[in-house]
Amino acid sequence: MLTDATEIAIAANAKQKNIRDPRRNRQPFFHILDDFLGGKPLTGRYIDLGAGQFDFAEIVRERGGTCVGVDFDPAVAELGRYKGFEVAELNIQKLASHPFDTSFDGVFNKFSLNAFWFWDDDEAHRAFVDAIVNLIHPEGWAWLGPWNGVPKAADLDQAAIDRTLAFQRELFEAHGFITLPLTLAQTQRYGIHGDVANNVVFCKNLNWTPAR
């Protein structure tokens, strides 16, 4: 949620409607941290791929850590800098072409990456996943909740959709990730529900304790 008048004015220029909304609820981020990290501290260095309103980054800062926000939207980058965060202004889809020179204790992504960016280019998809994996410290964790919306312009049949999703899963699992299919209620709890081809989370070095 945005309450500062300057923050609201900056966010009003964002490309995505949900980022322009100053009343956006921060609670899904707490649900994610409670259900997946439990008592894990947030005192290290983290990166949020698709920083949005910098909700995750703010929670990290409140708990003693630091967070780098990544986003292609100039308004989002401006918002992050105004809030005092380190920002990498780049398109997540091009992550493989912009390697970071450090690793992070945690890599976070909520509804920003998409398997169908690479539906016709397996090698680019592989390089993208490798780039994400390279961000993770050997003892670090990752929580990735993709937005796997199918682009209408691609005109994909169900077989192509299924193959793309299966390949995404294969790539992450080859790096030790666990794939967690979510129910509708769980996607709503974590703020990752929408018009997508599947509802999954990819996790590494995390233990999921679903809310009852």
N, C-alpha and C. Protein backbone atom coordinates (compact mmCIF):
# COMPACT_ATOMS: atom_id res chain seq x y z
N MET A 1 0.84 -1.19 0.00
CA MET A 1 0.00 0.00 0.00
C MET A 1 0.88 1.25 0.00
N LEU A 2 0.49 2.22 -0.81
CA LEU A 2 1.22 3.48 -0.89
C LEU A 2 0.44 4.56 -0.16
N THR A 3 1.11 5.27 0.74
CA THR A 3 0.44 6.34 1.48
C THR A 3 1.12 7.69 1.27
N ASP A 4 2.38 7.68 0.95
CA ASP A 4 3.14 8.89 0.69
C ASP A 4 2.67 9.51 -0.64
N ALA A 5 2.39 10.81 -0.63
CA ALA A 5 1.86 11.48 -1.82
C ALA A 5 2.82 11.40 -3.00
N THR A 6 4.11 11.48 -2.73
CA THR A 6 5.09 11.39 -3.81
C THR A 6 5.13 9.99 -4.39
N GLU A 7 5.07 8.97 -3.53
CA GLU A 7 5.03 7.59 -4.00
C GLU A 7 3.83 7.36 -4.91
N ILE A 8 2.68 7.86 -4.49
CA ILE A 8 1.45 7.69 -5.27
C ILE A 8 1.58 8.37 -6.63
N ALA A 9 2.18 9.55 -6.64
CA ALA A 9 2.35 10.29 -7.89
C ALA A 9 3.30 9.56 -8.84
N ILE A 10 4.37 8.98 -8.30
CA ILE A 10 5.31 8.23 -9.13
C ILE A 10 4.65 6.99 -9.69
N ALA A 11 3.96 6.24 -8.81
CA ALA A 11 3.33 4.98 -9.23
C ALA A 11 2.22 5.21 -10.25
N ALA A 12 1.64 6.39 -10.27
CA ALA A 12 0.57 6.70 -11.22
C ALA A 12 1.04 6.60 -12.66
N ASN A 13 2.35 6.67 -12.87
CA ASN A 13 2.92 6.58 -14.22
C ASN A 13 3.34 5.17 -14.60
N ALA A 14 3.11 4.20 -13.72
CA ALA A 14 3.53 2.82 -13.98
C ALA A 14 2.75 2.23 -15.14
N LYS A 15 3.37 1.30 -15.85
CA LYS A 15 2.74 0.68 -17.01
C LYS A 15 1.62 -0.28 -16.60
N GLN A 16 1.77 -0.95 -15.46
CA GLN A 16 0.80 -1.95 -15.03
C GLN A 16 -0.21 -1.34 -14.06
N LYS A 17 -1.47 -1.67 -14.29
CA LYS A 17 -2.56 -1.09 -13.50
C LYS A 17 -2.42 -1.40 -12.02
N ASN A 18 -2.04 -2.65 -11.68
CA ASN A 18 -2.00 -3.02 -10.27
C ASN A 18 -0.93 -2.24 -9.51
N ILE A 19 0.11 -1.81 -10.19
CA ILE A 19 1.15 -1.02 -9.53
C ILE A 19 0.67 0.41 -9.32
N ARG A 20 -0.22 0.88 -10.17
CA ARG A 20 -0.75 2.24 -10.02
C ARG A 20 -1.72 2.35 -8.85
N ASP A 21 -2.22 1.22 -8.36
CA ASP A 21 -3.23 1.21 -7.30
C ASP A 21 -2.58 1.43 -5.93
N PRO A 22 -2.79 2.58 -5.28
CA PRO A 22 -2.14 2.82 -3.99
C PRO A 22 -2.71 1.98 -2.86
N ARG A 23 -3.86 1.36 -3.07
CA ARG A 23 -4.51 0.57 -2.01
C ARG A 23 -4.17 -0.91 -2.08
N ARG A 24 -3.24 -1.27 -2.92
CA ARG A 24 -2.90 -2.69 -3.08
C ARG A 24 -2.45 -3.28 -1.75
N ASN A 25 -3.01 -4.45 -1.44
CA ASN A 25 -2.79 -5.09 -0.15
C ASN A 25 -1.42 -5.76 -0.09
N ARG A 26 -0.70 -5.56 1.00
CA ARG A 26 0.61 -6.16 1.19
C ARG A 26 0.53 -7.54 1.86
N GLN A 27 -0.67 -7.92 2.30
CA GLN A 27 -0.81 -9.14 3.10
C GLN A 27 -0.32 -10.41 2.39
N PRO A 28 -0.52 -10.57 1.07
CA PRO A 28 -0.01 -11.80 0.42
C PRO A 28 1.48 -12.03 0.63
N PHE A 29 2.25 -10.98 0.73
CA PHE A 29 3.69 -11.14 0.96
C PHE A 29 3.96 -11.74 2.34
N PHE A 30 3.20 -11.31 3.33
CA PHE A 30 3.35 -11.89 4.67
C PHE A 30 2.93 -13.35 4.68
N HIS A 31 1.87 -13.67 3.93
CA HIS A 31 1.44 -15.07 3.84
C HIS A 31 2.56 -15.94 3.24
N ILE A 32 3.19 -15.45 2.19
CA ILE A 32 4.28 -16.20 1.56
C ILE A 32 5.42 -16.42 2.55
N LEU A 33 5.82 -15.37 3.22
CA LEU A 33 6.93 -15.48 4.17
C LEU A 33 6.57 -16.40 5.33
N ASP A 34 5.34 -16.31 5.82
CA ASP A 34 4.92 -17.17 6.93
C ASP A 34 4.89 -18.63 6.52
N ASP A 35 4.32 -18.91 5.34
CA ASP A 35 4.09 -20.30 4.92
C ASP A 35 5.35 -20.98 4.39
N PHE A 36 6.27 -20.22 3.84
CA PHE A 36 7.44 -20.82 3.21
C PHE A 36 8.74 -20.61 3.98
N LEU A 37 8.87 -19.50 4.68
CA LEU A 37 10.11 -19.25 5.40
C LEU A 37 9.99 -19.49 6.90
N GLY A 38 8.78 -19.39 7.42
CA GLY A 38 8.59 -19.63 8.84
C GLY A 38 9.51 -18.75 9.67
N GLY A 39 10.43 -19.38 10.38
CA GLY A 39 11.33 -18.62 11.25
C GLY A 39 12.63 -18.20 10.61
N LYS A 40 12.77 -18.41 9.29
CA LYS A 40 14.02 -18.01 8.64
C LYS A 40 14.22 -16.49 8.75
N PRO A 41 15.42 -16.05 9.10
CA PRO A 41 15.67 -14.60 9.18
C PRO A 41 15.75 -13.97 7.79
N LEU A 42 15.59 -12.67 7.75
CA LEU A 42 15.72 -11.92 6.50
C LEU A 42 16.81 -10.86 6.67
N THR A 43 17.89 -11.25 7.32
CA THR A 43 18.95 -10.29 7.62
C THR A 43 20.06 -10.26 6.56
N GLY A 44 19.89 -11.01 5.49
CA GLY A 44 20.91 -11.06 4.45
C GLY A 44 20.62 -10.10 3.32
N ARG A 45 21.02 -10.50 2.11
CA ARG A 45 20.85 -9.69 0.91
C ARG A 45 19.97 -10.46 -0.07
N TYR A 46 18.94 -9.77 -0.57
CA TYR A 46 17.92 -10.42 -1.38
C TYR A 46 17.70 -9.65 -2.68
N ILE A 47 17.03 -10.32 -3.62
CA ILE A 47 16.69 -9.68 -4.89
C ILE A 47 15.26 -10.04 -5.25
N ASP A 48 14.52 -9.03 -5.70
CA ASP A 48 13.13 -9.22 -6.12
C ASP A 48 13.06 -8.96 -7.62
N LEU A 49 12.76 -10.01 -8.38
CA LEU A 49 12.65 -9.92 -9.83
C LEU A 49 11.23 -9.51 -10.20
N GLY A 50 11.04 -8.23 -10.43
CA GLY A 50 9.71 -7.68 -10.66
C GLY A 50 9.22 -7.02 -9.39
N ALA A 51 9.84 -5.89 -9.03
CA ALA A 51 9.69 -5.34 -7.68
C ALA A 51 8.35 -4.67 -7.42
N GLY A 52 7.62 -4.27 -8.46
CA GLY A 52 6.30 -3.69 -8.26
C GLY A 52 6.32 -2.45 -7.38
N GLN A 53 5.58 -2.49 -6.28
CA GLN A 53 5.56 -1.38 -5.33
C GLN A 53 6.63 -1.53 -4.24
N PHE A 54 7.51 -2.51 -4.39
CA PHE A 54 8.61 -2.76 -3.46
C PHE A 54 8.10 -3.23 -2.09
N ASP A 55 6.99 -3.97 -2.11
CA ASP A 55 6.45 -4.52 -0.87
C ASP A 55 7.42 -5.52 -0.24
N PHE A 56 7.91 -6.47 -1.05
CA PHE A 56 8.84 -7.45 -0.51
C PHE A 56 10.10 -6.76 0.01
N ALA A 57 10.62 -5.81 -0.75
CA ALA A 57 11.83 -5.11 -0.34
C ALA A 57 11.62 -4.37 0.98
N GLU A 58 10.46 -3.79 1.16
CA GLU A 58 10.18 -3.07 2.40
C GLU A 58 10.12 -4.02 3.59
N ILE A 59 9.52 -5.19 3.40
CA ILE A 59 9.45 -6.17 4.48
C ILE A 59 10.85 -6.65 4.84
N VAL A 60 11.67 -6.89 3.83
CA VAL A 60 13.06 -7.29 4.08
C VAL A 60 13.77 -6.22 4.91
N ARG A 61 13.61 -4.98 4.52
CA ARG A 61 14.27 -3.88 5.24
C ARG A 61 13.76 -3.79 6.68
N GLU A 62 12.46 -3.96 6.86
CA GLU A 62 11.89 -3.93 8.20
C GLU A 62 12.46 -5.02 9.09
N ARG A 63 12.89 -6.14 8.45
CA ARG A 63 13.40 -7.28 9.22
C ARG A 63 14.92 -7.34 9.24
N GLY A 64 15.56 -6.26 8.80
CA GLY A 64 17.00 -6.15 8.97
C GLY A 64 17.86 -6.49 7.78
N GLY A 65 17.26 -6.82 6.63
CA GLY A 65 18.04 -7.18 5.46
C GLY A 65 18.07 -6.07 4.42
N THR A 66 18.69 -6.37 3.28
CA THR A 66 18.71 -5.44 2.15
C THR A 66 18.16 -6.15 0.92
N CYS A 67 17.59 -5.39 0.00
CA CYS A 67 16.96 -5.99 -1.17
C CYS A 67 17.19 -5.12 -2.40
N VAL A 68 17.56 -5.77 -3.48
CA VAL A 68 17.67 -5.12 -4.79
C VAL A 68 16.38 -5.38 -5.55
N GLY A 69 15.79 -4.35 -6.10
CA GLY A 69 14.58 -4.51 -6.91
C GLY A 69 14.91 -4.44 -8.39
N VAL A 70 14.35 -5.36 -9.16
CA VAL A 70 14.58 -5.40 -10.61
C VAL A 70 13.26 -5.16 -11.33
N ASP A 71 13.24 -4.22 -12.26
CA ASP A 71 12.03 -3.98 -13.04
C ASP A 71 12.39 -3.17 -14.28
N PHE A 72 11.63 -3.39 -15.36
CA PHE A 72 11.89 -2.68 -16.62
C PHE A 72 11.18 -1.34 -16.69
N ASP A 73 10.21 -1.11 -15.81
CA ASP A 73 9.36 0.08 -15.87
C ASP A 73 10.08 1.26 -15.21
N PRO A 74 10.31 2.34 -15.94
CA PRO A 74 11.00 3.50 -15.35
C PRO A 74 10.29 4.05 -14.11
N ALA A 75 8.96 4.01 -14.10
CA ALA A 75 8.23 4.50 -12.94
C ALA A 75 8.48 3.63 -11.71
N VAL A 76 8.54 2.32 -11.91
CA VAL A 76 8.83 1.41 -10.80
C VAL A 76 10.24 1.65 -10.29
N ALA A 77 11.18 1.82 -11.20
CA ALA A 77 12.56 2.10 -10.80
C ALA A 77 12.64 3.40 -10.01
N GLU A 78 11.94 4.42 -10.46
CA GLU A 78 11.92 5.70 -9.75
C GLU A 78 11.31 5.54 -8.37
N LEU A 79 10.24 4.76 -8.29
CA LEU A 79 9.59 4.52 -7.00
C LEU A 79 10.56 3.85 -6.03
N GLY A 80 11.27 2.84 -6.51
CA GLY A 80 12.21 2.14 -5.65
C GLY A 80 13.32 3.04 -5.15
N ARG A 81 13.86 3.86 -6.03
CA ARG A 81 14.93 4.77 -5.62
C ARG A 81 14.41 5.80 -4.62
N TYR A 82 13.19 6.28 -4.85
CA TYR A 82 12.61 7.23 -3.90
C TYR A 82 12.47 6.60 -2.52
N LYS A 83 12.14 5.31 -2.50
CA LYS A 83 11.99 4.61 -1.23
C LYS A 83 13.33 4.22 -0.61
N GLY A 84 14.41 4.46 -1.34
CA GLY A 84 15.74 4.21 -0.79
C GLY A 84 16.33 2.85 -1.09
N PHE A 85 15.82 2.18 -2.13
CA PHE A 85 16.32 0.85 -2.48
C PHE A 85 17.29 0.90 -3.66
N GLU A 86 18.16 -0.09 -3.70
CA GLU A 86 18.99 -0.29 -4.88
C GLU A 86 18.11 -0.89 -5.97
N VAL A 87 18.19 -0.35 -7.17
CA VAL A 87 17.31 -0.77 -8.26
C VAL A 87 18.14 -1.10 -9.50
N ALA A 88 17.81 -2.22 -10.12
CA ALA A 88 18.37 -2.57 -11.43
C ALA A 88 17.25 -2.41 -12.45
N GLU A 89 17.36 -1.40 -13.29
CA GLU A 89 16.31 -1.10 -14.27
C GLU A 89 16.56 -1.91 -15.53
N LEU A 90 15.98 -3.10 -15.59
CA LEU A 90 16.15 -3.95 -16.76
C LEU A 90 14.97 -4.89 -16.90
N ASN A 91 14.80 -5.38 -18.10
CA ASN A 91 13.73 -6.32 -18.42
C ASN A 91 14.13 -7.70 -17.90
N ILE A 92 13.32 -8.28 -17.02
CA ILE A 92 13.64 -9.59 -16.46
C ILE A 92 13.84 -10.61 -17.57
N GLN A 93 13.08 -10.49 -18.63
CA GLN A 93 13.18 -11.42 -19.75
C GLN A 93 14.59 -11.46 -20.33
N LYS A 94 15.33 -10.36 -20.17
CA LYS A 94 16.70 -10.26 -20.70
C LYS A 94 17.74 -10.51 -19.61
N LEU A 95 17.35 -11.16 -18.54
CA LEU A 95 18.24 -11.35 -17.39
C LEU A 95 19.54 -12.04 -17.78
N ALA A 96 19.48 -12.98 -18.70
CA ALA A 96 20.68 -13.72 -19.10
C ALA A 96 21.73 -12.80 -19.73
N SER A 97 21.30 -11.66 -20.26
CA SER A 97 22.23 -10.72 -20.89
C SER A 97 22.75 -9.67 -19.92
N HIS A 98 22.26 -9.70 -18.68
CA HIS A 98 22.67 -8.72 -17.67
C HIS A 98 23.02 -9.43 -16.36
N PRO A 99 24.08 -10.23 -16.36
CA PRO A 99 24.42 -10.98 -15.15
C PRO A 99 24.84 -10.07 -14.00
N PHE A 100 24.46 -10.45 -12.79
CA PHE A 100 24.90 -9.74 -11.60
C PHE A 100 26.24 -10.31 -11.15
N ASP A 101 27.05 -9.48 -10.51
CA ASP A 101 28.37 -9.93 -10.08
C ASP A 101 28.36 -10.43 -8.64
N THR A 102 27.19 -10.74 -8.13
CA THR A 102 27.08 -11.25 -6.77
C THR A 102 25.92 -12.23 -6.69
N SER A 103 25.89 -13.02 -5.63
CA SER A 103 24.76 -13.92 -5.39
C SER A 103 23.98 -13.40 -4.19
N PHE A 104 22.79 -13.95 -4.00
CA PHE A 104 21.88 -13.44 -2.99
C PHE A 104 21.42 -14.55 -2.06
N ASP A 105 21.08 -14.15 -0.83
CA ASP A 105 20.59 -15.11 0.15
C ASP A 105 19.18 -15.58 -0.18
N GLY A 106 18.46 -14.79 -0.94
CA GLY A 106 17.13 -15.17 -1.37
C GLY A 106 16.77 -14.50 -2.68
N VAL A 107 16.11 -15.25 -3.56
CA VAL A 107 15.64 -14.72 -4.85
C VAL A 107 14.12 -14.85 -4.86
N PHE A 108 13.44 -13.74 -5.10
CA PHE A 108 11.98 -13.69 -4.98
C PHE A 108 11.38 -13.19 -6.29
N ASN A 109 10.26 -13.80 -6.67
CA ASN A 109 9.53 -13.34 -7.85
C ASN A 109 8.06 -13.68 -7.67
N LYS A 110 7.22 -12.66 -7.64
CA LYS A 110 5.78 -12.89 -7.48
C LYS A 110 5.04 -12.41 -8.71
N PHE A 111 4.69 -13.38 -9.58
CA PHE A 111 3.81 -13.13 -10.72
C PHE A 111 4.43 -12.21 -11.76
N SER A 112 5.73 -12.43 -12.04
CA SER A 112 6.39 -11.59 -13.04
C SER A 112 7.04 -12.36 -14.18
N LEU A 113 7.56 -13.56 -13.94
CA LEU A 113 8.21 -14.29 -15.03
C LEU A 113 7.20 -15.19 -15.75
N ASN A 114 7.49 -15.50 -17.01
CA ASN A 114 6.51 -16.19 -17.84
C ASN A 114 7.20 -17.20 -18.76
N ALA A 115 6.78 -18.46 -18.68
CA ALA A 115 7.34 -19.50 -19.54
C ALA A 115 7.15 -19.18 -21.01
N PHE A 116 6.06 -18.49 -21.34
CA PHE A 116 5.71 -18.27 -22.75
C PHE A 116 6.49 -17.12 -23.39
N TRP A 117 7.36 -16.47 -22.61
CA TRP A 117 8.32 -15.58 -23.25
C TRP A 117 9.20 -16.37 -24.21
N PHE A 118 9.37 -17.66 -23.92
CA PHE A 118 10.34 -18.48 -24.64
C PHE A 118 9.70 -19.70 -25.29
N TRP A 119 8.42 -19.63 -25.62
CA TRP A 119 7.72 -20.81 -26.11
C TRP A 119 8.35 -21.37 -27.39
N ASP A 120 9.02 -20.52 -28.16
CA ASP A 120 9.62 -20.97 -29.43
C ASP A 120 11.14 -20.96 -29.41
N ASP A 121 11.75 -20.87 -28.20
CA ASP A 121 13.21 -20.79 -28.11
C ASP A 121 13.68 -21.47 -26.82
N ASP A 122 13.89 -22.77 -26.89
CA ASP A 122 14.28 -23.54 -25.70
C ASP A 122 15.62 -23.09 -25.14
N GLU A 123 16.55 -22.73 -25.99
CA GLU A 123 17.87 -22.34 -25.50
C GLU A 123 17.80 -21.01 -24.74
N ALA A 124 16.99 -20.09 -25.21
CA ALA A 124 16.80 -18.83 -24.48
C ALA A 124 16.13 -19.09 -23.14
N HIS A 125 15.18 -20.02 -23.13
CA HIS A 125 14.50 -20.38 -21.89
C HIS A 125 15.50 -20.98 -20.90
N ARG A 126 16.35 -21.86 -21.40
CA ARG A 126 17.37 -22.49 -20.56
C ARG A 126 18.33 -21.43 -19.99
N ALA A 127 18.76 -20.51 -20.83
CA ALA A 127 19.68 -19.46 -20.38
C ALA A 127 19.03 -18.56 -19.33
N PHE A 128 17.74 -18.32 -19.49
CA PHE A 128 17.00 -17.49 -18.54
C PHE A 128 16.96 -18.16 -17.17
N VAL A 129 16.60 -19.43 -17.14
CA VAL A 129 16.55 -20.15 -15.87
C VAL A 129 17.94 -20.25 -15.25
N ASP A 130 18.95 -20.50 -16.06
CA ASP A 130 20.32 -20.54 -15.56
C ASP A 130 20.71 -19.21 -14.92
N ALA A 131 20.27 -18.10 -15.53
CA ALA A 131 20.60 -16.78 -14.99
C ALA A 131 19.96 -16.57 -13.62
N ILE A 132 18.73 -17.06 -13.45
CA ILE A 132 18.09 -16.98 -12.14
C ILE A 132 18.84 -17.81 -11.12
N VAL A 133 19.18 -19.03 -11.50
CA VAL A 133 19.89 -19.93 -10.59
C VAL A 133 21.23 -19.33 -10.16
N ASN A 134 21.90 -18.65 -11.06
CA ASN A 134 23.19 -18.05 -10.75
C ASN A 134 23.08 -16.93 -9.72
N LEU A 135 21.89 -16.42 -9.51
CA LEU A 135 21.69 -15.37 -8.50
C LEU A 135 21.65 -15.93 -7.09
N ILE A 136 21.41 -17.23 -6.95
CA ILE A 136 21.17 -17.83 -5.65
C ILE A 136 22.48 -18.27 -5.00
N HIS A 137 22.74 -17.78 -3.81
CA HIS A 137 23.89 -18.25 -3.03
C HIS A 137 23.73 -19.75 -2.79
N PRO A 138 24.83 -20.52 -2.75
CA PRO A 138 24.72 -21.97 -2.56
C PRO A 138 23.84 -22.39 -1.38
N GLU A 139 23.80 -21.57 -0.34
CA GLU A 139 22.94 -21.88 0.81
C GLU A 139 21.69 -21.02 0.84
N GLY A 140 21.44 -20.30 -0.25
CA GLY A 140 20.30 -19.41 -0.30
C GLY A 140 19.03 -20.12 -0.75
N TRP A 141 17.95 -19.36 -0.80
CA TRP A 141 16.66 -19.92 -1.18
C TRP A 141 16.08 -19.13 -2.36
N ALA A 142 15.04 -19.72 -2.96
CA ALA A 142 14.32 -19.03 -4.04
C ALA A 142 12.83 -19.35 -3.93
N TRP A 143 12.02 -18.34 -4.18
CA TRP A 143 10.56 -18.49 -4.25
C TRP A 143 10.12 -17.79 -5.53
N LEU A 144 9.63 -18.57 -6.49
CA LEU A 144 9.24 -18.03 -7.79
C LEU A 144 7.80 -18.42 -8.09
N GLY A 145 6.94 -17.42 -8.16
CA GLY A 145 5.54 -17.66 -8.50
C GLY A 145 5.26 -17.07 -9.87
N PRO A 146 5.41 -17.84 -10.95
CA PRO A 146 5.33 -17.28 -12.31
C PRO A 146 3.92 -16.86 -12.70
N TRP A 147 3.87 -15.92 -13.62
CA TRP A 147 2.63 -15.55 -14.30
C TRP A 147 2.71 -16.17 -15.69
N ASN A 148 2.20 -17.38 -15.81
CA ASN A 148 2.29 -18.10 -17.08
C ASN A 148 1.05 -17.86 -17.94
N GLY A 149 0.85 -16.60 -18.30
CA GLY A 149 -0.23 -16.27 -19.21
C GLY A 149 0.16 -16.55 -20.65
N VAL A 150 -0.74 -17.13 -21.42
CA VAL A 150 -0.44 -17.50 -22.81
C VAL A 150 -0.70 -16.30 -23.72
N PRO A 151 0.30 -15.85 -24.47
CA PRO A 151 0.09 -14.72 -25.37
C PRO A 151 -0.84 -15.09 -26.52
N LYS A 152 -1.88 -14.31 -26.72
CA LYS A 152 -2.84 -14.61 -27.78
C LYS A 152 -2.19 -14.56 -29.16
N ALA A 153 -1.23 -13.67 -29.32
CA ALA A 153 -0.59 -13.52 -30.63
C ALA A 153 0.18 -14.77 -31.05
N ALA A 154 0.58 -15.59 -30.07
CA ALA A 154 1.34 -16.80 -30.40
C ALA A 154 0.45 -17.88 -31.00
N ASP A 155 -0.85 -17.81 -30.72
CA ASP A 155 -1.82 -18.77 -31.28
C ASP A 155 -1.39 -20.22 -31.03
N LEU A 156 -1.13 -20.54 -29.77
CA LEU A 156 -0.64 -21.87 -29.41
C LEU A 156 -1.79 -22.84 -29.17
N ASP A 157 -1.62 -24.08 -29.65
CA ASP A 157 -2.60 -25.10 -29.32
C ASP A 157 -2.25 -25.70 -27.96
N GLN A 158 -3.13 -26.56 -27.44
CA GLN A 158 -2.93 -27.08 -26.09
C GLN A 158 -1.65 -27.90 -25.98
N ALA A 159 -1.28 -28.60 -27.03
CA ALA A 159 -0.06 -29.40 -26.99
C ALA A 159 1.17 -28.50 -26.81
N ALA A 160 1.20 -27.37 -27.50
CA ALA A 160 2.33 -26.44 -27.38
C ALA A 160 2.35 -25.79 -26.00
N ILE A 161 1.17 -25.49 -25.48
CA ILE A 161 1.09 -24.92 -24.13
C ILE A 161 1.62 -25.91 -23.10
N ASP A 162 1.17 -27.15 -23.20
CA ASP A 162 1.60 -28.18 -22.25
C ASP A 162 3.11 -28.41 -22.35
N ARG A 163 3.64 -28.41 -23.55
CA ARG A 163 5.07 -28.64 -23.73
C ARG A 163 5.89 -27.51 -23.11
N THR A 164 5.45 -26.28 -23.30
CA THR A 164 6.17 -25.13 -22.75
C THR A 164 6.18 -25.16 -21.23
N LEU A 165 5.03 -25.47 -20.64
CA LEU A 165 4.95 -25.55 -19.18
C LEU A 165 5.80 -26.68 -18.63
N ALA A 166 5.77 -27.82 -19.32
CA ALA A 166 6.56 -28.98 -18.88
C ALA A 166 8.06 -28.67 -18.96
N PHE A 167 8.46 -27.94 -20.00
CA PHE A 167 9.87 -27.61 -20.15
C PHE A 167 10.32 -26.63 -19.07
N GLN A 168 9.48 -25.66 -18.74
CA GLN A 168 9.79 -24.74 -17.64
C GLN A 168 10.02 -25.53 -16.35
N ARG A 169 9.11 -26.44 -16.06
CA ARG A 169 9.23 -27.25 -14.85
C ARG A 169 10.51 -28.09 -14.89
N GLU A 170 10.78 -28.70 -16.01
CA GLU A 170 11.99 -29.52 -16.16
C GLU A 170 13.25 -28.71 -15.90
N LEU A 171 13.30 -27.50 -16.41
CA LEU A 171 14.48 -26.66 -16.24
C LEU A 171 14.72 -26.33 -14.77
N PHE A 172 13.67 -25.93 -14.07
CA PHE A 172 13.84 -25.58 -12.66
C PHE A 172 14.16 -26.81 -11.82
N GLU A 173 13.47 -27.91 -12.07
CA GLU A 173 13.71 -29.11 -11.27
C GLU A 173 15.12 -29.66 -11.50
N ALA A 174 15.69 -29.43 -12.67
CA ALA A 174 17.07 -29.87 -12.93
C ALA A 174 18.06 -29.14 -12.04
N HIS A 175 17.66 -27.99 -11.51
CA HIS A 175 18.51 -27.22 -10.60
C HIS A 175 18.11 -27.40 -9.14
N GLY A 176 17.33 -28.42 -8.85
CA GLY A 176 16.99 -28.71 -7.47
C GLY A 176 15.77 -28.00 -6.93
N PHE A 177 15.00 -27.35 -7.80
CA PHE A 177 13.76 -26.72 -7.36
C PHE A 177 12.68 -27.77 -7.16
N ILE A 178 11.74 -27.45 -6.30
CA ILE A 178 10.53 -28.25 -6.12
C ILE A 178 9.37 -27.49 -6.76
N THR A 179 8.54 -28.19 -7.51
CA THR A 179 7.36 -27.59 -8.12
C THR A 179 6.14 -27.86 -7.25
N LEU A 180 5.44 -26.80 -6.87
CA LEU A 180 4.27 -26.93 -6.01
C LEU A 180 3.03 -26.44 -6.75
N PRO A 181 2.15 -27.34 -7.17
CA PRO A 181 0.87 -26.91 -7.74
C PRO A 181 0.00 -26.29 -6.64
N LEU A 182 -0.70 -25.22 -6.97
CA LEU A 182 -1.51 -24.51 -5.99
C LEU A 182 -2.99 -24.63 -6.30
N THR A 183 -3.79 -24.65 -5.25
CA THR A 183 -5.24 -24.55 -5.41
C THR A 183 -5.61 -23.09 -5.66
N LEU A 184 -6.84 -22.86 -6.08
CA LEU A 184 -7.30 -21.49 -6.29
C LEU A 184 -7.20 -20.68 -5.00
N ALA A 185 -7.59 -21.29 -3.88
CA ALA A 185 -7.53 -20.58 -2.60
C ALA A 185 -6.09 -20.20 -2.25
N GLN A 186 -5.15 -21.07 -2.57
CA GLN A 186 -3.75 -20.78 -2.28
C GLN A 186 -3.21 -19.67 -3.17
N THR A 187 -3.61 -19.65 -4.43
CA THR A 187 -3.16 -18.57 -5.31
C THR A 187 -3.71 -17.23 -4.83
N GLN A 188 -4.92 -17.23 -4.33
CA GLN A 188 -5.50 -16.00 -3.80
C GLN A 188 -4.77 -15.57 -2.53
N ARG A 189 -4.40 -16.53 -1.70
CA ARG A 189 -3.68 -16.23 -0.47
C ARG A 189 -2.33 -15.58 -0.78
N TYR A 190 -1.68 -16.04 -1.84
CA TYR A 190 -0.35 -15.54 -2.18
C TYR A 190 -0.37 -14.42 -3.22
N GLY A 191 -1.55 -14.04 -3.66
CA GLY A 191 -1.66 -12.93 -4.60
C GLY A 191 -1.14 -13.24 -5.99
N ILE A 192 -1.30 -14.50 -6.42
CA ILE A 192 -0.81 -14.88 -7.75
C ILE A 192 -1.91 -15.60 -8.54
N HIS A 193 -3.13 -15.10 -8.44
CA HIS A 193 -4.23 -15.68 -9.20
C HIS A 193 -4.53 -14.77 -10.40
N GLY A 194 -4.94 -15.40 -11.49
CA GLY A 194 -5.24 -14.62 -12.68
C GLY A 194 -5.46 -15.53 -13.87
N ASP A 195 -5.47 -14.95 -15.05
CA ASP A 195 -5.73 -15.69 -16.28
C ASP A 195 -4.42 -16.31 -16.77
N VAL A 196 -4.10 -17.48 -16.22
CA VAL A 196 -2.83 -18.14 -16.52
C VAL A 196 -3.07 -19.60 -16.90
N ALA A 197 -2.04 -20.22 -17.49
CA ALA A 197 -2.17 -21.60 -17.97
C ALA A 197 -2.01 -22.61 -16.86
N ASN A 198 -1.34 -22.22 -15.79
CA ASN A 198 -1.21 -23.11 -14.63
C ASN A 198 -0.92 -22.27 -13.39
N ASN A 199 -1.10 -22.88 -12.23
CA ASN A 199 -0.83 -22.20 -10.97
C ASN A 199 0.19 -23.01 -10.20
N VAL A 200 1.44 -22.58 -10.25
CA VAL A 200 2.51 -23.30 -9.57
C VAL A 200 3.45 -22.30 -8.90
N VAL A 201 4.23 -22.82 -7.97
CA VAL A 201 5.35 -22.09 -7.38
C VAL A 201 6.58 -22.98 -7.50
N PHE A 202 7.70 -22.40 -7.86
CA PHE A 202 8.97 -23.12 -7.88
C PHE A 202 9.79 -22.66 -6.67
N CYS A 203 10.20 -23.62 -5.84
CA CYS A 203 10.91 -23.30 -4.59
C CYS A 203 12.24 -24.03 -4.51
N LYS A 204 13.18 -23.39 -3.86
CA LYS A 204 14.48 -24.02 -3.60
C LYS A 204 14.89 -23.70 -2.16
N ASN A 205 15.24 -24.73 -1.42
CA ASN A 205 15.69 -24.60 -0.02
C ASN A 205 14.65 -23.94 0.87
N LEU A 206 13.39 -24.27 0.64
CA LEU A 206 12.29 -23.77 1.46
C LEU A 206 11.39 -24.93 1.86
N ASN A 207 10.75 -24.80 3.01
CA ASN A 207 9.78 -25.79 3.47
C ASN A 207 8.41 -25.14 3.50
N TRP A 208 7.47 -25.73 2.78
CA TRP A 208 6.13 -25.17 2.69
C TRP A 208 5.25 -25.73 3.79
N THR A 209 4.64 -24.83 4.56
CA THR A 209 3.65 -25.22 5.56
C THR A 209 2.35 -24.53 5.19
N PRO A 210 1.50 -25.19 4.38
CA PRO A 210 0.27 -24.54 3.93
C PRO A 210 -0.63 -24.16 5.09
N ALA A 211 -1.26 -23.00 4.99
CA ALA A 211 -2.22 -22.57 6.01
C ALA A 211 -3.43 -23.48 5.96
N ARG A 212 -3.99 -23.76 7.11
CA ARG A 212 -5.20 -24.60 7.17
C ARG A 212 -6.45 -23.74 7.15
